[in-house]
Amino acid sequence: MTAHSRLAETPNRTTDMDRIPQLYAVLGVIEQIAPGHDQAIRIPDESDLRHAYEQSSGIAKHGFGRTAEETIAAATIGAKALIGKGENAGAAAEQLSIHLRSQIVQLSRFVGI
């Protein structure tokens, strides 16, 4: 499956629980574009983040939802801009990957990971 088709398959979703797999899908697309993406920023497993979200309070969920929505929108736009750019996209994709991983860490803190 190509990066473009994976991104195209990621539908716009409205629930916070659906945003979690969307975050990881967009990250996967971006990291396909990045030549030697830096995974030094460790992120929680998707299922762990989902579980923590389910157990969190309303205020944490609200902050999570707003941040996740903004992150997905920016990352999706960035990934779509990078698709098809070839070697020229590598450095930008790596920076976008680092940013998205940082945002996932921030989201995990909302829900106590």
N, C-alpha and C. Protein backbone atom coordinates (compact mmCIF):
# COMPACT_ATOMS: atom_id res chain seq x y z
N MET A 1 0.85 -1.17 0.00
CA MET A 1 0.00 0.00 0.00
C MET A 1 0.90 1.24 0.00
N THR A 2 0.57 2.16 -0.83
CA THR A 2 1.40 3.36 -0.93
C THR A 2 1.00 4.37 0.14
N ALA A 3 1.89 5.31 0.36
CA ALA A 3 1.61 6.36 1.35
C ALA A 3 0.37 7.13 0.96
N HIS A 4 0.24 7.42 -0.32
CA HIS A 4 -0.91 8.21 -0.79
C HIS A 4 -2.22 7.48 -0.56
N SER A 5 -2.28 6.18 -0.85
CA SER A 5 -3.53 5.47 -0.67
C SER A 5 -3.88 5.32 0.80
N ARG A 6 -2.88 5.16 1.67
CA ARG A 6 -3.15 5.08 3.11
C ARG A 6 -3.71 6.39 3.62
N LEU A 7 -3.20 7.50 3.14
CA LEU A 7 -3.69 8.80 3.58
C LEU A 7 -5.11 9.02 3.06
N ALA A 8 -5.35 8.62 1.84
CA ALA A 8 -6.68 8.78 1.24
C ALA A 8 -7.72 7.93 1.97
N GLU A 9 -7.28 6.78 2.52
CA GLU A 9 -8.20 5.90 3.23
C GLU A 9 -8.52 6.40 4.63
N THR A 10 -7.78 7.38 5.14
CA THR A 10 -8.02 7.89 6.47
C THR A 10 -9.17 8.90 6.40
N PRO A 11 -10.37 8.47 6.79
CA PRO A 11 -11.51 9.37 6.67
C PRO A 11 -11.49 10.45 7.75
N ASN A 12 -12.24 11.52 7.49
CA ASN A 12 -12.41 12.54 8.52
C ASN A 12 -13.34 11.97 9.57
N ARG A 13 -12.88 12.00 10.81
CA ARG A 13 -13.66 11.42 11.88
C ARG A 13 -13.96 12.49 12.91
N THR A 14 -14.99 12.25 13.68
CA THR A 14 -15.37 13.28 14.61
C THR A 14 -15.18 12.91 16.07
N THR A 15 -15.09 11.63 16.41
CA THR A 15 -14.94 11.28 17.82
C THR A 15 -13.47 11.21 18.20
N ASP A 16 -13.21 11.52 19.46
CA ASP A 16 -11.83 11.49 19.95
C ASP A 16 -11.24 10.09 19.87
N MET A 17 -12.04 9.07 20.16
CA MET A 17 -11.53 7.70 20.09
C MET A 17 -11.10 7.35 18.67
N ASP A 18 -11.79 7.88 17.68
CA ASP A 18 -11.42 7.63 16.29
C ASP A 18 -10.21 8.43 15.86
N ARG A 19 -9.91 9.49 16.58
CA ARG A 19 -8.75 10.31 16.23
C ARG A 19 -7.44 9.60 16.56
N ILE A 20 -7.47 8.73 17.53
CA ILE A 20 -6.23 8.06 17.94
C ILE A 20 -5.65 7.23 16.80
N PRO A 21 -6.41 6.30 16.20
CA PRO A 21 -5.83 5.56 15.07
C PRO A 21 -5.50 6.46 13.88
N GLN A 22 -6.25 7.55 13.74
CA GLN A 22 -5.97 8.48 12.65
C GLN A 22 -4.61 9.13 12.85
N LEU A 23 -4.27 9.49 14.08
CA LEU A 23 -2.95 10.06 14.38
C LEU A 23 -1.84 9.10 13.97
N TYR A 24 -2.00 7.85 14.36
CA TYR A 24 -0.97 6.86 14.05
C TYR A 24 -0.91 6.55 12.55
N ALA A 25 -2.05 6.61 11.86
CA ALA A 25 -2.06 6.39 10.41
C ALA A 25 -1.31 7.51 9.69
N VAL A 26 -1.58 8.76 10.09
CA VAL A 26 -0.89 9.89 9.47
C VAL A 26 0.60 9.82 9.77
N LEU A 27 0.97 9.46 11.00
CA LEU A 27 2.38 9.30 11.33
C LEU A 27 3.03 8.24 10.45
N GLY A 28 2.32 7.13 10.23
CA GLY A 28 2.85 6.07 9.36
C GLY A 28 3.12 6.55 7.95
N VAL A 29 2.21 7.35 7.43
CA VAL A 29 2.39 7.91 6.08
C VAL A 29 3.61 8.83 6.04
N ILE A 30 3.69 9.69 7.02
CA ILE A 30 4.80 10.64 7.06
C ILE A 30 6.13 9.91 7.18
N GLU A 31 6.17 8.88 8.01
CA GLU A 31 7.42 8.15 8.21
C GLU A 31 7.79 7.29 7.00
N GLN A 32 6.83 6.98 6.14
CA GLN A 32 7.16 6.33 4.88
C GLN A 32 7.90 7.29 3.95
N ILE A 33 7.56 8.55 4.04
CA ILE A 33 8.18 9.57 3.18
C ILE A 33 9.57 9.94 3.68
N ALA A 34 9.74 9.97 5.00
CA ALA A 34 11.03 10.34 5.59
C ALA A 34 12.05 9.22 5.38
N PRO A 35 13.24 9.54 4.87
CA PRO A 35 14.22 8.50 4.55
C PRO A 35 14.76 7.77 5.77
N GLY A 36 15.14 8.46 6.79
CA GLY A 36 15.69 7.84 7.98
C GLY A 36 15.05 8.47 9.19
N HIS A 37 13.73 8.42 9.23
CA HIS A 37 13.00 9.13 10.27
C HIS A 37 13.53 8.80 11.66
N ASP A 38 13.54 9.81 12.48
CA ASP A 38 14.08 9.73 13.83
C ASP A 38 12.97 9.27 14.78
N GLN A 39 13.15 8.06 15.31
CA GLN A 39 12.17 7.55 16.25
C GLN A 39 12.68 7.70 17.69
N ALA A 40 13.60 8.63 17.91
CA ALA A 40 14.14 8.85 19.24
C ALA A 40 13.06 9.32 20.21
N ILE A 41 12.03 9.96 19.68
CA ILE A 41 10.91 10.38 20.53
C ILE A 41 9.98 9.18 20.63
N ARG A 42 10.03 8.54 21.76
CA ARG A 42 9.20 7.35 21.97
C ARG A 42 7.76 7.77 22.23
N ILE A 43 6.87 7.05 21.58
CA ILE A 43 5.44 7.33 21.76
C ILE A 43 4.77 6.08 22.32
N PRO A 44 3.66 6.28 23.02
CA PRO A 44 2.95 5.11 23.55
C PRO A 44 2.32 4.30 22.41
N ASP A 45 2.11 3.05 22.70
CA ASP A 45 1.41 2.18 21.77
C ASP A 45 -0.02 2.70 21.58
N GLU A 46 -0.53 2.57 20.38
CA GLU A 46 -1.87 3.08 20.08
C GLU A 46 -2.92 2.51 21.04
N SER A 47 -2.85 1.22 21.31
CA SER A 47 -3.85 0.61 22.20
C SER A 47 -3.73 1.14 23.63
N ASP A 48 -2.51 1.42 24.09
CA ASP A 48 -2.32 1.99 25.42
C ASP A 48 -2.93 3.39 25.49
N LEU A 49 -2.75 4.17 24.44
CA LEU A 49 -3.31 5.52 24.41
C LEU A 49 -4.84 5.46 24.40
N ARG A 50 -5.38 4.53 23.64
CA ARG A 50 -6.84 4.37 23.59
C ARG A 50 -7.39 4.00 24.97
N HIS A 51 -6.73 3.05 25.63
CA HIS A 51 -7.17 2.61 26.95
C HIS A 51 -7.10 3.76 27.96
N ALA A 52 -6.00 4.49 27.95
CA ALA A 52 -5.84 5.61 28.88
C ALA A 52 -6.90 6.67 28.61
N TYR A 53 -7.20 6.92 27.35
CA TYR A 53 -8.25 7.89 27.00
C TYR A 53 -9.59 7.44 27.58
N GLU A 54 -9.92 6.17 27.42
CA GLU A 54 -11.19 5.65 27.93
C GLU A 54 -11.32 5.83 29.44
N GLN A 55 -10.20 5.76 30.14
CA GLN A 55 -10.20 5.85 31.60
C GLN A 55 -10.10 7.29 32.13
N SER A 56 -9.88 8.25 31.25
CA SER A 56 -9.62 9.62 31.71
C SER A 56 -10.90 10.40 31.96
N SER A 57 -10.73 11.54 32.63
CA SER A 57 -11.86 12.40 32.99
C SER A 57 -12.28 13.28 31.81
N GLY A 58 -13.41 13.95 31.98
CA GLY A 58 -13.96 14.80 30.93
C GLY A 58 -13.05 15.94 30.53
N ILE A 59 -12.43 16.60 31.53
CA ILE A 59 -11.57 17.74 31.20
C ILE A 59 -10.34 17.29 30.43
N ALA A 60 -9.80 16.14 30.80
CA ALA A 60 -8.64 15.60 30.07
C ALA A 60 -9.04 15.24 28.64
N LYS A 61 -10.22 14.66 28.51
CA LYS A 61 -10.71 14.30 27.17
C LYS A 61 -10.93 15.54 26.31
N HIS A 62 -11.39 16.60 26.92
CA HIS A 62 -11.61 17.84 26.16
C HIS A 62 -10.29 18.39 25.62
N GLY A 63 -9.29 18.49 26.48
CA GLY A 63 -7.97 18.96 26.04
C GLY A 63 -7.37 18.04 25.00
N PHE A 64 -7.53 16.75 25.21
CA PHE A 64 -7.03 15.76 24.27
C PHE A 64 -7.68 15.96 22.90
N GLY A 65 -9.01 16.09 22.90
CA GLY A 65 -9.74 16.21 21.64
C GLY A 65 -9.35 17.43 20.84
N ARG A 66 -9.22 18.55 21.50
CA ARG A 66 -8.83 19.78 20.80
C ARG A 66 -7.44 19.66 20.21
N THR A 67 -6.51 19.16 21.01
CA THR A 67 -5.13 19.03 20.54
C THR A 67 -5.04 17.99 19.42
N ALA A 68 -5.74 16.88 19.57
CA ALA A 68 -5.72 15.83 18.54
C ALA A 68 -6.28 16.35 17.22
N GLU A 69 -7.38 17.07 17.28
CA GLU A 69 -8.00 17.60 16.06
C GLU A 69 -7.05 18.55 15.33
N GLU A 70 -6.43 19.46 16.07
CA GLU A 70 -5.48 20.40 15.45
C GLU A 70 -4.27 19.68 14.89
N THR A 71 -3.79 18.69 15.62
CA THR A 71 -2.60 17.95 15.18
C THR A 71 -2.88 17.16 13.91
N ILE A 72 -4.01 16.47 13.88
CA ILE A 72 -4.37 15.69 12.70
C ILE A 72 -4.55 16.59 11.48
N ALA A 73 -5.21 17.70 11.66
CA ALA A 73 -5.43 18.61 10.53
C ALA A 73 -4.10 19.10 9.96
N ALA A 74 -3.20 19.55 10.83
CA ALA A 74 -1.91 20.07 10.36
C ALA A 74 -1.06 18.96 9.74
N ALA A 75 -1.03 17.80 10.38
CA ALA A 75 -0.20 16.71 9.86
C ALA A 75 -0.74 16.17 8.54
N THR A 76 -2.04 16.11 8.39
CA THR A 76 -2.63 15.63 7.14
C THR A 76 -2.32 16.59 5.99
N ILE A 77 -2.45 17.87 6.25
CA ILE A 77 -2.11 18.86 5.22
C ILE A 77 -0.64 18.75 4.86
N GLY A 78 0.21 18.61 5.87
CA GLY A 78 1.65 18.47 5.62
C GLY A 78 1.97 17.23 4.84
N ALA A 79 1.37 16.10 5.20
CA ALA A 79 1.63 14.85 4.50
C ALA A 79 1.17 14.92 3.05
N LYS A 80 0.00 15.48 2.82
CA LYS A 80 -0.51 15.61 1.44
C LYS A 80 0.42 16.49 0.60
N ALA A 81 0.98 17.52 1.22
CA ALA A 81 1.91 18.40 0.50
C ALA A 81 3.20 17.68 0.16
N LEU A 82 3.59 16.70 0.96
CA LEU A 82 4.87 16.00 0.75
C LEU A 82 4.76 14.84 -0.23
N ILE A 83 3.58 14.27 -0.37
CA ILE A 83 3.41 13.11 -1.24
C ILE A 83 3.77 13.48 -2.67
N GLY A 84 4.59 12.66 -3.27
CA GLY A 84 4.99 12.87 -4.65
C GLY A 84 6.15 13.82 -4.85
N LYS A 85 6.71 14.33 -3.77
CA LYS A 85 7.83 15.28 -3.89
C LYS A 85 9.17 14.57 -3.99
N GLY A 86 9.19 13.25 -3.83
CA GLY A 86 10.43 12.49 -3.97
C GLY A 86 11.45 12.82 -2.90
N GLU A 87 12.71 12.85 -3.32
CA GLU A 87 13.81 13.08 -2.39
C GLU A 87 13.72 14.45 -1.73
N ASN A 88 13.10 15.39 -2.37
CA ASN A 88 12.98 16.74 -1.82
C ASN A 88 12.13 16.78 -0.55
N ALA A 89 11.34 15.75 -0.31
CA ALA A 89 10.43 15.75 0.83
C ALA A 89 11.05 15.16 2.09
N GLY A 90 12.19 14.52 1.97
CA GLY A 90 12.77 13.79 3.09
C GLY A 90 12.98 14.60 4.36
N ALA A 91 13.64 15.72 4.26
CA ALA A 91 13.94 16.53 5.45
C ALA A 91 12.66 17.11 6.06
N ALA A 92 11.76 17.56 5.22
CA ALA A 92 10.50 18.12 5.73
C ALA A 92 9.66 17.02 6.39
N ALA A 93 9.64 15.83 5.79
CA ALA A 93 8.89 14.72 6.37
C ALA A 93 9.48 14.32 7.72
N GLU A 94 10.79 14.35 7.82
CA GLU A 94 11.42 14.01 9.10
C GLU A 94 11.02 15.02 10.18
N GLN A 95 11.02 16.30 9.84
CA GLN A 95 10.62 17.32 10.80
C GLN A 95 9.14 17.17 11.19
N LEU A 96 8.31 16.84 10.22
CA LEU A 96 6.89 16.64 10.50
C LEU A 96 6.70 15.41 11.39
N SER A 97 7.48 14.37 11.15
CA SER A 97 7.43 13.17 11.99
C SER A 97 7.80 13.49 13.43
N ILE A 98 8.86 14.25 13.61
CA ILE A 98 9.29 14.64 14.96
C ILE A 98 8.20 15.46 15.64
N HIS A 99 7.61 16.39 14.91
CA HIS A 99 6.54 17.21 15.47
C HIS A 99 5.34 16.35 15.87
N LEU A 100 4.93 15.44 15.00
CA LEU A 100 3.78 14.61 15.29
C LEU A 100 4.04 13.69 16.47
N ARG A 101 5.24 13.13 16.55
CA ARG A 101 5.59 12.29 17.70
C ARG A 101 5.54 13.12 18.99
N SER A 102 6.01 14.34 18.95
CA SER A 102 5.96 15.21 20.13
C SER A 102 4.52 15.49 20.53
N GLN A 103 3.67 15.70 19.55
CA GLN A 103 2.26 15.95 19.84
C GLN A 103 1.59 14.71 20.44
N ILE A 104 1.95 13.53 19.96
CA ILE A 104 1.38 12.30 20.53
C ILE A 104 1.81 12.15 21.98
N VAL A 105 3.05 12.50 22.28
CA VAL A 105 3.52 12.48 23.67
C VAL A 105 2.69 13.46 24.50
N GLN A 106 2.45 14.66 23.98
CA GLN A 106 1.63 15.64 24.68
C GLN A 106 0.22 15.10 24.93
N LEU A 107 -0.34 14.46 23.93
CA LEU A 107 -1.68 13.88 24.07
C LEU A 107 -1.69 12.80 25.15
N SER A 108 -0.64 12.01 25.19
CA SER A 108 -0.58 10.95 26.20
C SER A 108 -0.54 11.53 27.61
N ARG A 109 0.05 12.70 27.75
CA ARG A 109 0.10 13.35 29.07
C ARG A 109 -1.28 13.84 29.50
N PHE A 110 -2.12 14.23 28.55
CA PHE A 110 -3.50 14.62 28.89
C PHE A 110 -4.22 13.49 29.61
N VAL A 111 -3.92 12.26 29.19
CA VAL A 111 -4.66 11.10 29.71
C VAL A 111 -3.84 10.26 30.70
N GLY A 112 -2.75 10.83 31.18
CA GLY A 112 -2.01 10.21 32.27
C GLY A 112 -1.00 9.14 31.93
N ILE A 113 -0.51 9.14 30.71
CA ILE A 113 0.54 8.17 30.36
C ILE A 113 1.89 8.83 30.57
